[in-house]
Amino acid sequence: MSDSARELALRKDLLLAQCSLYRLKMRGEVEAVRRNLTWSQAGVALASAGPVRNLAFNLAVDGVGRDRVARVLGLARRALAFARVALIAVGLFREATRGTRAGAEADSTRHS
């Protein structure tokens, strides 16, 4: 086996080991949260604790799947872009109607 192939294989093994370690850490954190919280406290803890929120988000992404999360985020991005464009269009329309009203009022005062 060449040096580059051996190096790639070692790097792959290292990445797989890191992935397994992170999964074990997540399981340990979930178990610690499960032991320390009752169901009535869970909502309050999730809303107030940053690390727990991050853990919950990571678990949700892991459970739902990255593709679905990416789709939802893409839809949200498009919806926000559409809302921004709509707000700009409404603002421009309002300015245009104010301009025509102001011009009509100026014309009526000149002719009087």
PDB file of N, CA and C in Angstrom:
ATOM      1  N   MET A   1       0.854  -1.167   0.000  1.00  0.00           N
ATOM      2  CA  MET A   1       0.000   0.000   0.000  1.00  0.00           C
ATOM      3  C   MET A   1       0.904   1.236   0.000  1.00  0.00           C
ATOM      4  N   SER A   2       0.557   2.219  -0.806  1.00  0.00           N
ATOM      5  CA  SER A   2       1.386   3.415  -0.891  1.00  0.00           C
ATOM      6  C   SER A   2       1.204   4.274   0.362  1.00  0.00           C
ATOM      7  N   ASP A   3       2.126   5.215   0.527  1.00  0.00           N
ATOM      8  CA  ASP A   3       2.064   6.088   1.706  1.00  0.00           C
ATOM      9  C   ASP A   3       0.801   6.938   1.708  1.00  0.00           C
ATOM     10  N   SER A   4       0.393   7.456   0.563  1.00  0.00           N
ATOM     11  CA  SER A   4      -0.800   8.312   0.526  1.00  0.00           C
ATOM     12  C   SER A   4      -2.066   7.502   0.816  1.00  0.00           C
ATOM     13  N   ALA A   5      -2.132   6.271   0.320  1.00  0.00           N
ATOM     14  CA  ALA A   5      -3.292   5.422   0.595  1.00  0.00           C
ATOM     15  C   ALA A   5      -3.332   5.048   2.075  1.00  0.00           C
ATOM     16  N   ARG A   6      -2.171   4.758   2.637  1.00  0.00           N
ATOM     17  CA  ARG A   6      -2.096   4.428   4.062  1.00  0.00           C
ATOM     18  C   ARG A   6      -2.501   5.643   4.907  1.00  0.00           C
ATOM     19  N   GLU A   7      -2.032   6.807   4.500  1.00  0.00           N
ATOM     20  CA  GLU A   7      -2.375   8.040   5.215  1.00  0.00           C
ATOM     21  C   GLU A   7      -3.877   8.314   5.137  1.00  0.00           C
ATOM     22  N   LEU A   8      -4.468   8.099   3.977  1.00  0.00           N
ATOM     23  CA  LEU A   8      -5.913   8.291   3.834  1.00  0.00           C
ATOM     24  C   LEU A   8      -6.690   7.290   4.686  1.00  0.00           C
ATOM     25  N   ALA A   9      -6.227   6.058   4.739  1.00  0.00           N
ATOM     26  CA  ALA A   9      -6.892   5.044   5.550  1.00  0.00           C
ATOM     27  C   ALA A   9      -6.801   5.401   7.033  1.00  0.00           C
ATOM     28  N   LEU A  10      -5.634   5.884   7.465  1.00  0.00           N
ATOM     29  CA  LEU A  10      -5.486   6.311   8.858  1.00  0.00           C
ATOM     30  C   LEU A  10      -6.380   7.501   9.172  1.00  0.00           C
ATOM     31  N   ARG A  11      -6.455   8.431   8.242  1.00  0.00           N
ATOM     32  CA  ARG A  11      -7.314   9.613   8.437  1.00  0.00           C
ATOM     33  C   ARG A  11      -8.789   9.189   8.526  1.00  0.00           C
ATOM     34  N   LYS A  12      -9.182   8.253   7.682  1.00  0.00           N
ATOM     35  CA  LYS A  12     -10.563   7.754   7.721  1.00  0.00           C
ATOM     36  C   LYS A  12     -10.842   7.094   9.070  1.00  0.00           C
ATOM     37  N   ASP A  13      -9.903   6.264   9.540  1.00  0.00           N
ATOM     38  CA  ASP A  13     -10.086   5.615  10.834  1.00  0.00           C
ATOM     39  C   ASP A  13     -10.186   6.639  11.954  1.00  0.00           C
ATOM     40  N   LEU A  14      -9.361   7.685  11.880  1.00  0.00           N
ATOM     41  CA  LEU A  14      -9.406   8.736  12.887  1.00  0.00           C
ATOM     42  C   LEU A  14     -10.755   9.449  12.880  1.00  0.00           C
ATOM     43  N   LEU A  15     -11.259   9.774  11.708  1.00  0.00           N
ATOM     44  CA  LEU A  15     -12.553  10.444  11.603  1.00  0.00           C
ATOM     45  C   LEU A  15     -13.683   9.561  12.110  1.00  0.00           C
ATOM     46  N   LEU A  16     -13.639   8.283  11.800  1.00  0.00           N
ATOM     47  CA  LEU A  16     -14.658   7.365  12.303  1.00  0.00           C
ATOM     48  C   LEU A  16     -14.607   7.248  13.824  1.00  0.00           C
ATOM     49  N   ALA A  17     -13.391   7.230  14.369  1.00  0.00           N
ATOM     50  CA  ALA A  17     -13.252   7.160  15.827  1.00  0.00           C
ATOM     51  C   ALA A  17     -13.776   8.440  16.480  1.00  0.00           C
ATOM     52  N   GLN A  18     -13.485   9.603  15.877  1.00  0.00           N
ATOM     53  CA  GLN A  18     -13.996  10.869  16.413  1.00  0.00           C
ATOM     54  C   GLN A  18     -15.522  10.893  16.373  1.00  0.00           C
ATOM     55  N   CYS A  19     -16.080  10.415  15.292  1.00  0.00           N
ATOM     56  CA  CYS A  19     -17.540  10.372  15.150  1.00  0.00           C
ATOM     57  C   CYS A  19     -18.151   9.486  16.230  1.00  0.00           C
ATOM     58  N   SER A  20     -17.555   8.342  16.459  1.00  0.00           N
ATOM     59  CA  SER A  20     -18.049   7.439  17.507  1.00  0.00           C
ATOM     60  C   SER A  20     -17.928   8.082  18.880  1.00  0.00           C
ATOM     61  N   LEU A  21     -16.824   8.774  19.118  1.00  0.00           N
ATOM     62  CA  LEU A  21     -16.626   9.452  20.396  1.00  0.00           C
ATOM     63  C   LEU A  21     -17.698  10.524  20.613  1.00  0.00           C
ATOM     64  N   TYR A  22     -17.992  11.328  19.587  1.00  0.00           N
ATOM     65  CA  TYR A  22     -19.013  12.369  19.719  1.00  0.00           C
ATOM     66  C   TYR A  22     -20.393  11.764  19.958  1.00  0.00           C
ATOM     67  N   ARG A  23     -20.678  10.657  19.303  1.00  0.00           N
ATOM     68  CA  ARG A  23     -21.961   9.993  19.542  1.00  0.00           C
ATOM     69  C   ARG A  23     -22.062   9.494  20.980  1.00  0.00           C
ATOM     70  N   LEU A  24     -20.987   8.930  21.490  1.00  0.00           N
ATOM     71  CA  LEU A  24     -20.978   8.468  22.878  1.00  0.00           C
ATOM     72  C   LEU A  24     -21.135   9.637  23.844  1.00  0.00           C
ATOM     73  N   LYS A  25     -20.476  10.754  23.554  1.00  0.00           N
ATOM     74  CA  LYS A  25     -20.617  11.940  24.401  1.00  0.00           C
ATOM     75  C   LYS A  25     -22.056  12.431  24.392  1.00  0.00           C
ATOM     76  N   MET A  26     -22.679  12.447  23.219  1.00  0.00           N
ATOM     77  CA  MET A  26     -24.075  12.886  23.131  1.00  0.00           C
ATOM     78  C   MET A  26     -24.976  11.961  23.931  1.00  0.00           C
ATOM     79  N   ARG A  27     -24.753  10.668  23.827  1.00  0.00           N
ATOM     80  CA  ARG A  27     -25.568   9.719  24.599  1.00  0.00           C
ATOM     81  C   ARG A  27     -25.392   9.939  26.095  1.00  0.00           C
ATOM     82  N   GLY A  28     -24.139  10.182  26.514  1.00  0.00           N
ATOM     83  CA  GLY A  28     -23.887  10.456  27.928  1.00  0.00           C
ATOM     84  C   GLY A  28     -24.572  11.731  28.392  1.00  0.00           C
ATOM     85  N   GLU A  29     -24.539  12.785  27.557  1.00  0.00           N
ATOM     86  CA  GLU A  29     -25.210  14.032  27.914  1.00  0.00           C
ATOM     87  C   GLU A  29     -26.719  13.833  27.983  1.00  0.00           C
ATOM     88  N   VAL A  30     -27.261  13.087  27.063  1.00  0.00           N
ATOM     89  CA  VAL A  30     -28.701  12.819  27.080  1.00  0.00           C
ATOM     90  C   VAL A  30     -29.070  12.060  28.340  1.00  0.00           C
ATOM     91  N   GLU A  31     -28.272  11.091  28.703  1.00  0.00           N
ATOM     92  CA  GLU A  31     -28.555  10.310  29.910  1.00  0.00           C
ATOM     93  C   GLU A  31     -28.464  11.183  31.158  1.00  0.00           C
ATOM     94  N   ALA A  32     -27.477  12.086  31.206  1.00  0.00           N
ATOM     95  CA  ALA A  32     -27.346  12.994  32.349  1.00  0.00           C
ATOM     96  C   ALA A  32     -28.543  13.926  32.431  1.00  0.00           C
ATOM     97  N   VAL A  33     -28.991  14.427  31.315  1.00  0.00           N
ATOM     98  CA  VAL A  33     -30.177  15.293  31.290  1.00  0.00           C
ATOM     99  C   VAL A  33     -31.398  14.502  31.727  1.00  0.00           C
ATOM    100  N   ARG A  34     -31.521  13.290  31.247  1.00  0.00           N
ATOM    101  CA  ARG A  34     -32.667  12.442  31.586  1.00  0.00           C
ATOM    102  C   ARG A  34     -32.733  12.162  33.088  1.00  0.00           C
ATOM    103  N   ARG A  35     -31.569  11.922  33.703  1.00  0.00           N
ATOM    104  CA  ARG A  35     -31.537  11.649  35.142  1.00  0.00           C
ATOM    105  C   ARG A  35     -31.872  12.883  35.972  1.00  0.00           C
ATOM    106  N   ASN A  36     -31.450  14.055  35.539  1.00  0.00           N
ATOM    107  CA  ASN A  36     -31.572  15.259  36.353  1.00  0.00           C
ATOM    108  C   ASN A  36     -32.864  16.037  36.140  1.00  0.00           C
ATOM    109  N   LEU A  37     -33.640  15.690  35.153  1.00  0.00           N
ATOM    110  CA  LEU A  37     -34.845  16.464  34.868  1.00  0.00           C
ATOM    111  C   LEU A  37     -36.098  15.630  35.010  1.00  0.00           C
ATOM    112  N   THR A  38     -37.123  16.286  35.465  1.00  0.00           N
ATOM    113  CA  THR A  38     -38.446  15.687  35.410  1.00  0.00           C
ATOM    114  C   THR A  38     -39.132  16.257  34.181  1.00  0.00           C
ATOM    115  N   TRP A  39     -40.233  15.659  33.786  1.00  0.00           N
ATOM    116  CA  TRP A  39     -40.923  16.135  32.592  1.00  0.00           C
ATOM    117  C   TRP A  39     -41.413  17.573  32.756  1.00  0.00           C
ATOM    118  N   SER A  40     -41.799  17.949  33.973  1.00  0.00           N
ATOM    119  CA  SER A  40     -42.287  19.314  34.183  1.00  0.00           C
ATOM    120  C   SER A  40     -41.168  20.337  34.059  1.00  0.00           C
ATOM    121  N   GLN A  41     -39.940  19.929  34.381  1.00  0.00           N
ATOM    122  CA  GLN A  41     -38.808  20.846  34.294  1.00  0.00           C
ATOM    123  C   GLN A  41     -38.164  20.870  32.907  1.00  0.00           C
ATOM    124  N   ALA A  42     -38.484  19.906  32.099  1.00  0.00           N
ATOM    125  CA  ALA A  42     -37.788  19.760  30.818  1.00  0.00           C
ATOM    126  C   ALA A  42     -37.982  20.971  29.916  1.00  0.00           C
ATOM    127  N   GLY A  43     -39.200  21.461  29.817  1.00  0.00           N
ATOM    128  CA  GLY A  43     -39.450  22.616  28.949  1.00  0.00           C
ATOM    129  C   GLY A  43     -38.719  23.851  29.416  1.00  0.00           C
ATOM    130  N   VAL A  44     -38.716  24.086  30.720  1.00  0.00           N
ATOM    131  CA  VAL A  44     -38.023  25.249  31.273  1.00  0.00           C
ATOM    132  C   VAL A  44     -36.523  25.128  31.046  1.00  0.00           C
ATOM    133  N   ALA A  45     -35.985  23.950  31.262  1.00  0.00           N
ATOM    134  CA  ALA A  45     -34.546  23.751  31.088  1.00  0.00           C
ATOM    135  C   ALA A  45     -34.137  23.918  29.631  1.00  0.00           C
ATOM    136  N   LEU A  46     -34.929  23.398  28.713  1.00  0.00           N
ATOM    137  CA  LEU A  46     -34.594  23.539  27.296  1.00  0.00           C
ATOM    138  C   LEU A  46     -34.632  24.994  26.856  1.00  0.00           C
ATOM    139  N   ALA A  47     -35.566  25.744  27.402  1.00  0.00           N
ATOM    140  CA  ALA A  47     -35.682  27.146  27.013  1.00  0.00           C
ATOM    141  C   ALA A  47     -34.590  28.003  27.629  1.00  0.00           C
ATOM    142  N   SER A  48     -34.044  27.602  28.771  1.00  0.00           N
ATOM    143  CA  SER A  48     -33.111  28.473  29.480  1.00  0.00           C
ATOM    144  C   SER A  48     -31.645  28.082  29.354  1.00  0.00           C
ATOM    145  N   ALA A  49     -31.330  26.848  29.075  1.00  0.00           N
ATOM    146  CA  ALA A  49     -29.936  26.405  29.063  1.00  0.00           C
ATOM    147  C   ALA A  49     -29.407  26.300  27.644  1.00  0.00           C
ATOM    148  N   GLY A  50     -28.341  27.033  27.372  1.00  0.00           N
ATOM    149  CA  GLY A  50     -27.736  27.013  26.042  1.00  0.00           C
ATOM    150  C   GLY A  50     -27.226  25.654  25.618  1.00  0.00           C
ATOM    151  N   PRO A  51     -26.419  24.968  26.461  1.00  0.00           N
ATOM    152  CA  PRO A  51     -25.912  23.654  26.052  1.00  0.00           C
ATOM    153  C   PRO A  51     -27.026  22.637  25.818  1.00  0.00           C
ATOM    154  N   VAL A  52     -28.072  22.712  26.618  1.00  0.00           N
ATOM    155  CA  VAL A  52     -29.182  21.779  26.431  1.00  0.00           C
ATOM    156  C   VAL A  52     -29.902  22.079  25.120  1.00  0.00           C
ATOM    157  N   ARG A  53     -30.057  23.371  24.806  1.00  0.00           N
ATOM    158  CA  ARG A  53     -30.669  23.745  23.517  1.00  0.00           C
ATOM    159  C   ARG A  53     -29.842  23.210  22.363  1.00  0.00           C
ATOM    160  N   ASN A  54     -28.518  23.390  22.451  1.00  0.00           N
ATOM    161  CA  ASN A  54     -27.637  22.880  21.393  1.00  0.00           C
ATOM    162  C   ASN A  54     -27.749  21.370  21.269  1.00  0.00           C
ATOM    163  N   LEU A  55     -27.778  20.694  22.404  1.00  0.00           N
ATOM    164  CA  LEU A  55     -27.912  19.244  22.390  1.00  0.00           C
ATOM    165  C   LEU A  55     -29.245  18.834  21.765  1.00  0.00           C
ATOM    166  N   ALA A  56     -30.314  19.515  22.159  1.00  0.00           N
ATOM    167  CA  ALA A  56     -31.633  19.192  21.603  1.00  0.00           C
ATOM    168  C   ALA A  56     -31.661  19.426  20.100  1.00  0.00           C
ATOM    169  N   PHE A  57     -31.058  20.524  19.661  1.00  0.00           N
ATOM    170  CA  PHE A  57     -31.023  20.801  18.220  1.00  0.00           C
ATOM    171  C   PHE A  57     -30.217  19.733  17.490  1.00  0.00           C
ATOM    172  N   ASN A  58     -29.067  19.372  18.039  1.00  0.00           N
ATOM    173  CA  ASN A  58     -28.239  18.342  17.401  1.00  0.00           C
ATOM    174  C   ASN A  58     -28.956  17.007  17.337  1.00  0.00           C
ATOM    175  N   LEU A  59     -29.654  16.654  18.404  1.00  0.00           N
ATOM    176  CA  LEU A  59     -30.406  15.404  18.399  1.00  0.00           C
ATOM    177  C   LEU A  59     -31.556  15.460  17.398  1.00  0.00           C
ATOM    178  N   ALA A  60     -32.209  16.608  17.307  1.00  0.00           N
ATOM    179  CA  ALA A  60     -33.302  16.749  16.344  1.00  0.00           C
ATOM    180  C   ALA A  60     -32.775  16.617  14.921  1.00  0.00           C
ATOM    181  N   VAL A  61     -31.655  17.266  14.643  1.00  0.00           N
ATOM    182  CA  VAL A  61     -31.050  17.162  13.309  1.00  0.00           C
ATOM    183  C   VAL A  61     -30.633  15.733  13.042  1.00  0.00           C
ATOM    184  N   ASP A  62     -30.047  15.083  14.042  1.00  0.00           N
ATOM    185  CA  ASP A  62     -29.606  13.707  13.872  1.00  0.00           C
ATOM    186  C   ASP A  62     -30.795  12.777  13.666  1.00  0.00           C
ATOM    187  N   GLY A  63     -31.884  13.013  14.397  1.00  0.00           N
ATOM    188  CA  GLY A  63     -33.064  12.157  14.288  1.00  0.00           C
ATOM    189  C   GLY A  63     -33.854  12.402  13.024  1.00  0.00           C
ATOM    190  N   VAL A  64     -34.025  13.665  12.661  1.00  0.00           N
ATOM    191  CA  VAL A  64     -34.834  14.006  11.484  1.00  0.00           C
ATOM    192  C   VAL A  64     -34.043  13.760  10.206  1.00  0.00           C
ATOM    193  N   GLY A  65     -32.784  14.059  10.255  1.00  0.00           N
ATOM    194  CA  GLY A  65     -31.949  13.882   9.077  1.00  0.00           C
ATOM    195  C   GLY A  65     -31.531  15.230   8.519  1.00  0.00           C
ATOM    196  N   ARG A  66     -30.327  15.290   8.077  1.00  0.00           N
ATOM    197  CA  ARG A  66     -29.773  16.548   7.580  1.00  0.00           C
ATOM    198  C   ARG A  66     -30.475  17.031   6.320  1.00  0.00           C
ATOM    199  N   ASP A  67     -30.924  16.106   5.484  1.00  0.00           N
ATOM    200  CA  ASP A  67     -31.589  16.506   4.246  1.00  0.00           C
ATOM    201  C   ASP A  67     -32.888  17.246   4.528  1.00  0.00           C
ATOM    202  N   ARG A  68     -33.662  16.747   5.460  1.00  0.00           N
ATOM    203  CA  ARG A  68     -34.926  17.411   5.797  1.00  0.00           C
ATOM    204  C   ARG A  68     -34.677  18.765   6.425  1.00  0.00           C
ATOM    205  N   VAL A  69     -33.695  18.845   7.315  1.00  0.00           N
ATOM    206  CA  VAL A  69     -33.375  20.121   7.949  1.00  0.00           C
ATOM    207  C   VAL A  69     -32.913  21.112   6.893  1.00  0.00           C
ATOM    208  N   ALA A  70     -32.097  20.653   5.967  1.00  0.00           N
ATOM    209  CA  ALA A  70     -31.633  21.535   4.898  1.00  0.00           C
ATOM    210  C   ALA A  70     -32.802  22.008   4.045  1.00  0.00           C
ATOM    211  N   ARG A  71     -33.754  21.124   3.768  1.00  0.00           N
ATOM    212  CA  ARG A  71     -34.939  21.525   2.998  1.00  0.00           C
ATOM    213  C   ARG A  71     -35.754  22.576   3.736  1.00  0.00           C
ATOM    214  N   VAL A  72     -35.965  22.350   5.034  1.00  0.00           N
ATOM    215  CA  VAL A  72     -36.750  23.304   5.829  1.00  0.00           C
ATOM    216  C   VAL A  72     -36.040  24.648   5.891  1.00  0.00           C
ATOM    217  N   LEU A  73     -34.731  24.630   6.110  1.00  0.00           N
ATOM    218  CA  LEU A  73     -33.985  25.885   6.149  1.00  0.00           C
ATOM    219  C   LEU A  73     -34.001  26.578   4.795  1.00  0.00           C
ATOM    220  N   GLY A  74     -33.945  25.812   3.724  1.00  0.00           N
ATOM    221  CA  GLY A  74     -34.028  26.405   2.388  1.00  0.00           C
ATOM    222  C   GLY A  74     -35.384  27.048   2.151  1.00  0.00           C
ATOM    223  N   LEU A  75     -36.444  26.373   2.578  1.00  0.00           N
ATOM    224  CA  LEU A  75     -37.782  26.963   2.447  1.00  0.00           C
ATOM    225  C   LEU A  75     -37.912  28.224   3.284  1.00  0.00           C
ATOM    226  N   ALA A  76     -37.363  28.199   4.489  1.00  0.00           N
ATOM    227  CA  ALA A  76     -37.417  29.384   5.352  1.00  0.00           C
ATOM    228  C   ALA A  76     -36.642  30.533   4.727  1.00  0.00           C
ATOM    229  N   ARG A  77     -35.499  30.235   4.127  1.00  0.00           N
ATOM    230  CA  ARG A  77     -34.708  31.280   3.470  1.00  0.00           C
ATOM    231  C   ARG A  77     -35.488  31.893   2.314  1.00  0.00           C
ATOM    232  N   ARG A  78     -36.148  31.052   1.517  1.00  0.00           N
ATOM    233  CA  ARG A  78     -36.941  31.573   0.399  1.00  0.00           C
ATOM    234  C   ARG A  78     -38.122  32.395   0.892  1.00  0.00           C
ATOM    235  N   ALA A  79     -38.761  31.933   1.970  1.00  0.00           N
ATOM    236  CA  ALA A  79     -39.896  32.675   2.519  1.00  0.00           C
ATOM    237  C   ALA A  79     -39.454  34.047   3.028  1.00  0.00           C
ATOM    238  N   LEU A  80     -38.301  34.092   3.696  1.00  0.00           N
ATOM    239  CA  LEU A  80     -37.791  35.379   4.165  1.00  0.00           C
ATOM    240  C   LEU A  80     -37.427  36.296   3.001  1.00  0.00           C
ATOM    241  N   ALA A  81     -36.825  35.739   1.976  1.00  0.00           N
ATOM    242  CA  ALA A  81     -36.493  36.553   0.796  1.00  0.00           C
ATOM    243  C   ALA A  81     -37.758  37.088   0.146  1.00  0.00           C
ATOM    244  N   PHE A  82     -38.768  36.247   0.038  1.00  0.00           N
ATOM    245  CA  PHE A  82     -40.040  36.691  -0.539  1.00  0.00           C
ATOM    246  C   PHE A  82     -40.669  37.794   0.311  1.00  0.00           C
ATOM    247  N   ALA A  83     -40.620  37.633   1.627  1.00  0.00           N
ATOM    248  CA  ALA A  83     -41.186  38.647   2.527  1.00  0.00           C
ATOM    249  C   ALA A  83     -40.434  39.967   2.387  1.00  0.00           C
ATOM    250  N   ARG A  84     -39.117  39.906   2.261  1.00  0.00           N
ATOM    251  CA  ARG A  84     -38.339  41.135   2.079  1.00  0.00           C
ATOM    252  C   ARG A  84     -38.702  41.825   0.779  1.00  0.00           C
ATOM    253  N   VAL A  85     -38.813  41.055  -0.286  1.00  0.00           N
ATOM    254  CA  VAL A  85     -39.184  41.637  -1.581  1.00  0.00           C
ATOM    255  C   VAL A  85     -40.578  42.243  -1.503  1.00  0.00           C
ATOM    256  N   ALA A  86     -41.493  41.558  -0.830  1.00  0.00           N
ATOM    257  CA  ALA A  86     -42.848  42.084  -0.692  1.00  0.00           C
ATOM    258  C   ALA A  86     -42.849  43.384   0.103  1.00  0.00           C
ATOM    259  N   LEU A  87     -42.068  43.454   1.175  1.00  0.00           N
ATOM    260  CA  LEU A  87     -41.991  44.692   1.948  1.00  0.00           C
ATOM    261  C   LEU A  87     -41.407  45.842   1.135  1.00  0.00           C
ATOM    262  N   ILE A  88     -40.402  45.540   0.349  1.00  0.00           N
ATOM    263  CA  ILE A  88     -39.815  46.575  -0.518  1.00  0.00           C
ATOM    264  C   ILE A  88     -40.840  47.043  -1.528  1.00  0.00           C
ATOM    265  N   ALA A  89     -41.574  46.106  -2.130  1.00  0.00           N
ATOM    266  CA  ALA A  89     -42.587  46.471  -3.118  1.00  0.00           C
ATOM    267  C   ALA A  89     -43.691  47.313  -2.487  1.00  0.00           C
ATOM    268  N   VAL A  90     -44.132  46.949  -1.299  1.00  0.00           N
ATOM    269  CA  VAL A  90     -45.169  47.727  -0.617  1.00  0.00           C
ATOM    270  C   VAL A  90     -44.646  49.126  -0.306  1.00  0.00           C
ATOM    271  N   GLY A  91     -43.412  49.220   0.155  1.00  0.00           N
ATOM    272  CA  GLY A  91     -42.813  50.528   0.435  1.00  0.00           C
ATOM    273  C   GLY A  91     -42.724  51.390  -0.804  1.00  0.00           C
ATOM    274  N   LEU A  92     -42.312  50.790  -1.916  1.00  0.00           N
ATOM    275  CA  LEU A  92     -42.229  51.549  -3.171  1.00  0.00           C
ATOM    276  C   LEU A  92     -43.611  51.978  -3.643  1.00  0.00           C
ATOM    277  N   PHE A  93     -44.587  51.102  -3.489  1.00  0.00           N
ATOM    278  CA  PHE A  93     -45.950  51.438  -3.888  1.00  0.00           C
ATOM    279  C   PHE A  93     -46.492  52.586  -3.051  1.00  0.00           C
ATOM    280  N   ARG A  94     -46.221  52.555  -1.748  1.00  0.00           N
ATOM    281  CA  ARG A  94     -46.678  53.637  -0.871  1.00  0.00           C
ATOM    282  C   ARG A  94     -46.012  54.952  -1.244  1.00  0.00           C
ATOM    283  N   GLU A  95     -44.716  54.917  -1.525  1.00  0.00           N
ATOM    284  CA  GLU A  95     -44.023  56.140  -1.921  1.00  0.00           C
ATOM    285  C   GLU A  95     -44.584  56.669  -3.230  1.00  0.00           C
ATOM    286  N   ALA A  96     -44.882  55.770  -4.149  1.00  0.00           N
ATOM    287  CA  ALA A  96     -45.427  56.203  -5.440  1.00  0.00           C
ATOM    288  C   ALA A  96     -46.809  56.814  -5.267  1.00  0.00           C
ATOM    289  N   THR A  97     -47.649  56.222  -4.427  1.00  0.00           N
ATOM    290  CA  THR A  97     -48.987  56.788  -4.228  1.00  0.00           C
ATOM    291  C   THR A  97     -48.913  58.102  -3.469  1.00  0.00           C
ATOM    292  N   ARG A  98     -47.981  58.257  -2.542  1.00  0.00           N
ATOM    293  CA  ARG A  98     -47.797  59.533  -1.843  1.00  0.00           C
ATOM    294  C   ARG A  98     -47.320  60.594  -2.815  1.00  0.00           C
ATOM    295  N   GLY A  99     -46.427  60.205  -3.705  1.00  0.00           N
ATOM    296  CA  GLY A  99     -45.910  61.152  -4.701  1.00  0.00           C
ATOM    297  C   GLY A  99     -46.998  61.643  -5.638  1.00  0.00           C
ATOM    298  N   THR A 100     -47.886  60.760  -6.078  1.00  0.00           N
ATOM    299  CA  THR A 100     -48.959  61.185  -6.987  1.00  0.00           C
ATOM    300  C   THR A 100     -49.976  62.023  -6.248  1.00  0.00           C
ATOM    301  N   ARG A 101     -50.235  61.718  -4.979  1.00  0.00           N
ATOM    302  CA  ARG A 101     -51.165  62.536  -4.191  1.00  0.00           C
ATOM    303  C   ARG A 101     -50.574  63.917  -3.961  1.00  0.00           C
ATOM    304  N   ALA A 102     -49.288  63.969  -3.615  1.00  0.00           N
ATOM    305  CA  ALA A 102     -48.636  65.255  -3.376  1.00  0.00           C
ATOM    306  C   ALA A 102     -48.599  66.077  -4.663  1.00  0.00           C
ATOM    307  N   GLY A 103     -48.355  65.425  -5.786  1.00  0.00           N
ATOM    308  CA  GLY A 103     -48.348  66.125  -7.074  1.00  0.00           C
ATOM    309  C   GLY A 103     -49.730  66.632  -7.434  1.00  0.00           C
ATOM    310  N   ALA A 104     -50.758  65.832  -7.156  1.00  0.00           N
ATOM    311  CA  ALA A 104     -52.137  66.254  -7.452  1.00  0.00           C
ATOM    312  C   ALA A 104     -52.522  67.406  -6.554  1.00  0.00           C
ATOM    313  N   GLU A 105     -52.126  67.400  -5.296  1.00  0.00           N
ATOM    314  CA  GLU A 105     -52.443  68.495  -4.384  1.00  0.00           C
ATOM    315  C   GLU A 105     -51.720  69.763  -4.825  1.00  0.00           C
ATOM    316  N   ALA A 106     -50.477  69.631  -5.270  1.00  0.00           N
ATOM    317  CA  ALA A 106     -49.718  70.801  -5.728  1.00  0.00           C
ATOM    318  C   ALA A 106     -50.380  71.393  -6.981  1.00  0.00           C
ATOM    319  N   ASP A 107     -50.836  70.533  -7.881  1.00  0.00           N
ATOM    320  CA  ASP A 107     -51.508  71.015  -9.090  1.00  0.00           C
ATOM    321  C   ASP A 107     -52.806  71.729  -8.729  1.00  0.00           C
ATOM    322  N   SER A 108     -53.560  71.207  -7.774  1.00  0.00           N
ATOM    323  CA  SER A 108     -54.822  71.831  -7.422  1.00  0.00           C
ATOM    324  C   SER A 108     -54.604  73.163  -6.740  1.00  0.00           C
ATOM    325  N   THR A 109     -53.512  73.339  -5.976  1.00  0.00           N
ATOM    326  CA  THR A 109     -53.252  74.624  -5.344  1.00  0.00           C
ATOM    327  C   THR A 109     -52.742  75.630  -6.348  1.00  0.00           C
ATOM    328  N   ARG A 110     -52.059  75.212  -7.386  1.00  0.00           N
ATOM    329  CA  ARG A 110     -51.561  76.135  -8.428  1.00  0.00           C
ATOM    330  C   ARG A 110     -52.732  76.673  -9.261  1.00  0.00           C
ATOM    331  N   HIS A 111     -53.699  75.837  -9.540  1.00  0.00           N
ATOM    332  CA  HIS A 111     -54.813  76.230 -10.398  1.00  0.00           C
ATOM    333  C   HIS A 111     -55.858  77.040  -9.646  1.00  0.00           C
ATOM    334  N   SER A 112     -55.825  77.087  -8.352  1.00  0.00           N
ATOM    335  CA  SER A 112     -56.854  77.800  -7.599  1.00  0.00           C
ATOM    336  C   SER A 112     -56.597  79.274  -7.550  1.00  0.00           C
TER     337      SER A 112
END
